């Protein structure tokens, strides 16, 4: 077994100790934080909006034709529109951040021979993850076993309907650097689906 390759015992999963080592090595399983821009950059993007550019052109033309009142009204509309846009964008970003802080997605992971409900951020390479109907896939994964597994992947592929996934025979993976190798074992369970 190569030290840089995630591995787990199929019936027991990773040990808690090995999972802690991998969490320290690879870091938490979290998406990259969205990039926050400065107020000046947001203002620049608002001003370069094509509609705002057309209104600025209209204000300039009105002013050059002597219609200063019309030009002033157009400029006031531009300033109000841009201000409201910036305030609403900042408020919505704040609301999204608060919601994300309150929601802690979880995953069912096989650790030390038992299924445990863990925070998604604590899933590490080599974990065996069990999914049930309605679960979110917590990370990139390799299917080990699947039965009636349909995945909604419209955000990735544009497909409007869920796609059926099947477990295929696992081929040995090529040797890659540890930083780029994130193979995850995934196990599908339709127990909840059959109980309904």
Foldseek 3Di string as FASTA:
>chain_A
DDPLAAAADVQFFAAPVVLVVQCVVQPFLDDDDDDDDDPVVLLVVLCPPVVNVVLQVVLVVCVVVVNPVSSVVSVVVSVVVSVVVSVVVVVVVVVVVVVVVVDFAWWFWRYRNDTDIGGLRSDGARIETEDEPPHDDSDAEAEPADDQDWAPDCVPPVDPGTDDDGHDDDDDDDDDGSNPDRYHYYYYDHVVVVVD
